[in-house]
Protein backbone atom coordinates (compact mmCIF):
# COMPACT_ATOMS: atom_id res chain seq x y z
CA MET A 1 0.00 0.00 -0.03
CA GLN A 2 2.87 2.35 0.74
CA HIS A 3 4.04 2.04 -2.92
CA THR A 4 0.52 2.79 -4.10
CA LEU A 5 0.43 5.95 -1.93
CA GLN A 6 3.68 7.12 -3.48
CA GLN A 7 2.40 6.46 -6.98
CA TYR A 8 -0.91 8.13 -6.17
CA ASP A 9 0.84 11.21 -4.77
CA ALA A 10 3.17 11.49 -7.81
CA ILE A 11 0.24 11.44 -10.26
CA ILE A 12 -1.76 13.92 -8.17
CA THR A 13 1.26 16.21 -8.01
CA ALA A 14 1.38 16.30 -11.82
CA CYS A 15 -2.39 16.88 -12.02
CA ARG A 16 -2.21 19.63 -9.43
CA GLU A 17 0.68 21.37 -11.24
CA LEU A 18 -1.32 21.41 -14.49
CA PHE A 19 -4.37 22.74 -12.59
CA ALA A 20 -2.17 25.49 -11.03
CA ASN A 21 -0.74 26.50 -14.37
CA LYS A 22 -4.11 26.63 -16.01
CA MET A 23 -5.32 28.81 -13.10
CA LYS A 24 -2.47 31.18 -13.99
CA ASP A 25 -3.47 31.10 -17.65
CA TYR A 26 -7.24 31.27 -17.36
CA GLY A 27 -8.03 32.18 -13.83
CA SER A 28 -11.05 30.51 -12.29
CA ALA A 29 -13.29 30.84 -15.31
CA TRP A 30 -14.40 27.31 -14.67
CA ARG A 31 -16.28 28.57 -11.59
CA VAL A 32 -19.19 29.63 -13.92
CA LEU A 33 -19.74 26.03 -15.08
CA ARG A 34 -22.76 24.29 -13.70
CA LEU A 35 -22.39 20.70 -12.57
CA PRO A 36 -23.98 19.19 -15.67
CA SER A 37 -21.44 21.13 -17.77
CA LEU A 38 -18.56 19.71 -15.79
CA THR A 39 -20.10 16.23 -15.98
CA ASP A 40 -20.36 16.60 -19.74
CA GLN A 41 -16.74 17.62 -19.94
CA ILE A 42 -15.81 14.48 -18.09
CA PHE A 43 -18.15 12.52 -20.38
CA ILE A 44 -16.25 13.87 -23.41
CA LYS A 45 -12.97 12.82 -21.90
CA ALA A 46 -14.13 9.31 -21.08
CA GLN A 47 -15.74 8.96 -24.49
CA ARG A 48 -12.45 9.95 -26.15
CA ILE A 49 -10.50 7.42 -24.08
CA ARG A 50 -12.93 4.66 -25.14
CA GLN A 51 -12.57 5.76 -28.76
CA LEU A 52 -8.77 5.73 -28.54
CA GLN A 53 -8.89 2.23 -26.93
CA GLU A 54 -11.12 0.96 -29.77
CA SER A 55 -9.65 2.75 -32.78
CA GLU A 56 -6.39 2.15 -34.51
CA THR A 57 -5.95 5.77 -35.66
CA GLN A 58 -6.16 9.11 -33.89
CA LYS A 59 -6.13 12.54 -35.41
CA VAL A 60 -5.60 14.75 -32.27
CA ASP A 61 -2.21 14.58 -30.55
CA GLU A 62 -3.43 13.92 -27.00
CA ASP A 63 -3.18 10.40 -25.57
CA GLU A 64 -5.30 8.53 -23.00
CA LYS A 65 -3.06 9.72 -20.15
CA SER A 66 -3.84 13.40 -20.81
CA GLU A 67 -7.58 12.56 -20.89
CA PHE A 68 -7.40 10.78 -17.53
CA ILE A 69 -5.63 13.81 -16.09
CA GLY A 70 -8.51 15.87 -17.50
CA ILE A 71 -11.03 13.60 -15.76
CA ILE A 72 -9.19 14.08 -12.48
CA ASN A 73 -9.04 17.82 -12.70
CA TYR A 74 -12.62 18.29 -13.94
CA SER A 75 -13.86 15.97 -11.12
CA ILE A 76 -12.04 18.11 -8.60
CA MET A 77 -13.60 21.21 -10.10
CA ALA A 78 -16.97 19.61 -9.76
CA LEU A 79 -16.34 18.69 -6.12
CA ILE A 80 -15.36 22.37 -5.46
CA GLN A 81 -18.55 23.49 -7.19
CA LEU A 82 -20.58 21.15 -5.05
CA GLU A 83 -19.02 22.70 -1.91
CA LYS A 84 -18.99 26.31 -2.91
CA GLY A 85 -21.74 26.64 -5.37
CA ILE A 86 -21.63 28.12 -8.88
CA THR A 87 -20.84 31.79 -9.52
CA ASN A 88 -21.48 34.13 -12.48
CA GLN A 89 -17.95 35.48 -12.42
CA PRO A 90 -14.54 33.87 -11.70
CA ASP A 91 -14.05 34.42 -7.90
CA LEU A 92 -11.03 32.39 -6.88
CA ASP A 93 -7.41 33.47 -6.89
CA PRO A 94 -4.87 30.71 -7.72
CA GLU A 95 -3.81 30.17 -4.11
CA THR A 96 -7.36 29.72 -2.83
CA ALA A 97 -8.20 27.38 -5.69
CA ILE A 98 -5.19 25.25 -4.82
CA VAL A 99 -6.23 25.07 -1.16
CA LEU A 100 -9.67 23.84 -2.26
CA TYR A 101 -8.02 21.42 -4.71
CA ASP A 102 -5.89 19.97 -1.93
CA LYS A 103 -8.89 19.65 0.38
CA GLN A 104 -10.79 17.61 -2.15
CA ILE A 105 -7.73 15.44 -2.95
CA THR A 106 -7.16 14.72 0.74
CA GLU A 107 -10.72 13.41 1.09
CA THR A 108 -10.49 11.46 -2.16
CA ARG A 109 -7.11 9.92 -1.26
CA GLN A 110 -8.53 8.83 2.08
CA LEU A 111 -11.47 7.15 0.31
CA MET A 112 -8.99 5.35 -1.97
CA GLN A 113 -7.01 4.12 1.08
CA ASP A 114 -10.21 2.91 2.75
CA LYS A 115 -11.42 1.07 -0.37
CA ASN A 116 -7.94 -0.36 -1.09
CA HIS A 117 -7.93 -1.80 2.40
CA ASP A 118 -11.29 -3.46 1.88
CA TYR A 119 -10.77 -4.56 -1.71
CA GLY A 120 -7.14 -5.54 -1.42
CA GLU A 121 -6.01 -3.38 -4.43
CA ALA A 122 -8.05 -5.49 -6.84
CA TRP A 123 -7.67 -2.66 -9.41
CA ARG A 124 -4.01 -3.77 -9.98
CA ASP A 125 -5.32 -6.86 -11.81
CA MET A 126 -7.80 -4.86 -13.94
CA ARG A 127 -7.35 -3.65 -17.50
CA ILE A 128 -7.25 0.07 -18.21
CA SER A 129 -10.23 -0.44 -20.47
CA SER A 130 -12.23 -1.80 -17.54
CA LEU A 131 -11.28 1.22 -15.47
CA THR A 132 -12.41 3.42 -18.37
CA ASP A 133 -15.74 1.60 -18.44
CA LEU A 134 -16.20 2.06 -14.72
CA ILE A 135 -15.56 5.76 -15.12
CA PHE A 136 -18.05 5.90 -18.01
CA GLN A 137 -20.63 4.12 -15.82
CA LYS A 138 -20.03 6.61 -12.99
CA ILE A 139 -20.55 9.53 -15.41
CA LEU A 140 -23.89 8.00 -16.53
CA ARG A 141 -24.89 7.63 -12.87
CA VAL A 142 -24.06 11.24 -12.17
CA LYS A 143 -26.08 12.37 -15.18
CA GLN A 144 -29.01 10.41 -13.95
CA ILE A 145 -28.70 11.87 -10.43
CA GLU A 146 -28.48 15.37 -12.04
CA ASN A 147 -31.61 14.62 -14.08
CA ASN A 148 -33.29 13.64 -10.80
CA LYS A 149 -32.28 17.03 -9.38
CA GLY A 150 -29.73 15.45 -7.00
CA LYS A 151 -32.15 13.10 -5.35
CA THR A 152 -31.35 9.40 -4.76
CA LEU A 153 -33.37 6.74 -2.99
CA VAL A 154 -30.65 4.38 -1.87
CA SER A 155 -27.57 5.30 -3.79
CA GLU A 156 -24.48 7.34 -3.00
CA GLY A 157 -24.46 10.90 -4.05
CA ILE A 158 -22.80 12.81 -6.82
CA ASP A 159 -19.70 13.59 -4.77
CA ALA A 160 -18.88 9.84 -4.27
CA ASN A 161 -19.09 9.24 -7.97
CA TYR A 162 -16.73 12.09 -8.75
CA ARG A 163 -14.33 10.77 -6.15
CA ASP A 164 -14.50 7.28 -7.63
CA MET A 165 -13.79 8.76 -11.15
CA ILE A 166 -10.68 10.48 -9.73
CA ASN A 167 -9.45 7.25 -8.13
CA TYR A 168 -10.13 5.12 -11.14
CA SER A 169 -8.28 7.67 -13.29
CA VAL A 170 -5.34 7.62 -10.94
CA PHE A 171 -5.31 3.86 -11.03
CA ALA A 172 -5.22 3.87 -14.80
CA LEU A 173 -2.32 6.31 -14.84
CA ILE A 174 -0.50 4.07 -12.35
CA LEU A 175 -0.98 1.09 -14.62
CA PHE A 176 0.24 3.14 -17.60
CA SER A 177 3.40 4.16 -15.71
CA GLU A 178 4.03 0.60 -14.59
CA ALA A 179 3.71 -0.69 -18.19
CA GLU A 180 6.11 2.05 -19.37
CA GLU A 181 8.62 1.07 -16.73
CA LYS A 182 8.53 -2.54 -17.90
CA GLN A 183 9.34 -1.51 -21.49
């Protein structure tokens, strides 16, 4: 598990750095996005990953790894939006946005540790395509919950689904890095 935590932290560090740099470039313009818009952005990323996994050609020079990073960062934005609400104007400076990012990652990392304890790191024996499908399923669940105006009868809420998407994306990126190390 210690190795997993180190790998997890390394991937999140890269995602966080990209988020911070985009905050410098664009500010917090994403704060105007409603949750369904963020969910749709994640949907687009997952759909592209599935297309890349099924197709032999690609015309845009972005690989699966960059799309998984996008899923992580858009999911964190969604979690921040859930906590803070949506605004009509960008309202976060880069430092505050990073504090909120770190808060969401701390909670998501703890969830990963708890589930890894209970499931015995079963994800390590999964295919990246299966992790992609699980992310896609989570997106469809979130869309259904959004269509139900956030109400669920017996299911976990939107936040848990976003956290799972982050963790599945991190797992996929870990598997990619391990495969690259073997080559």
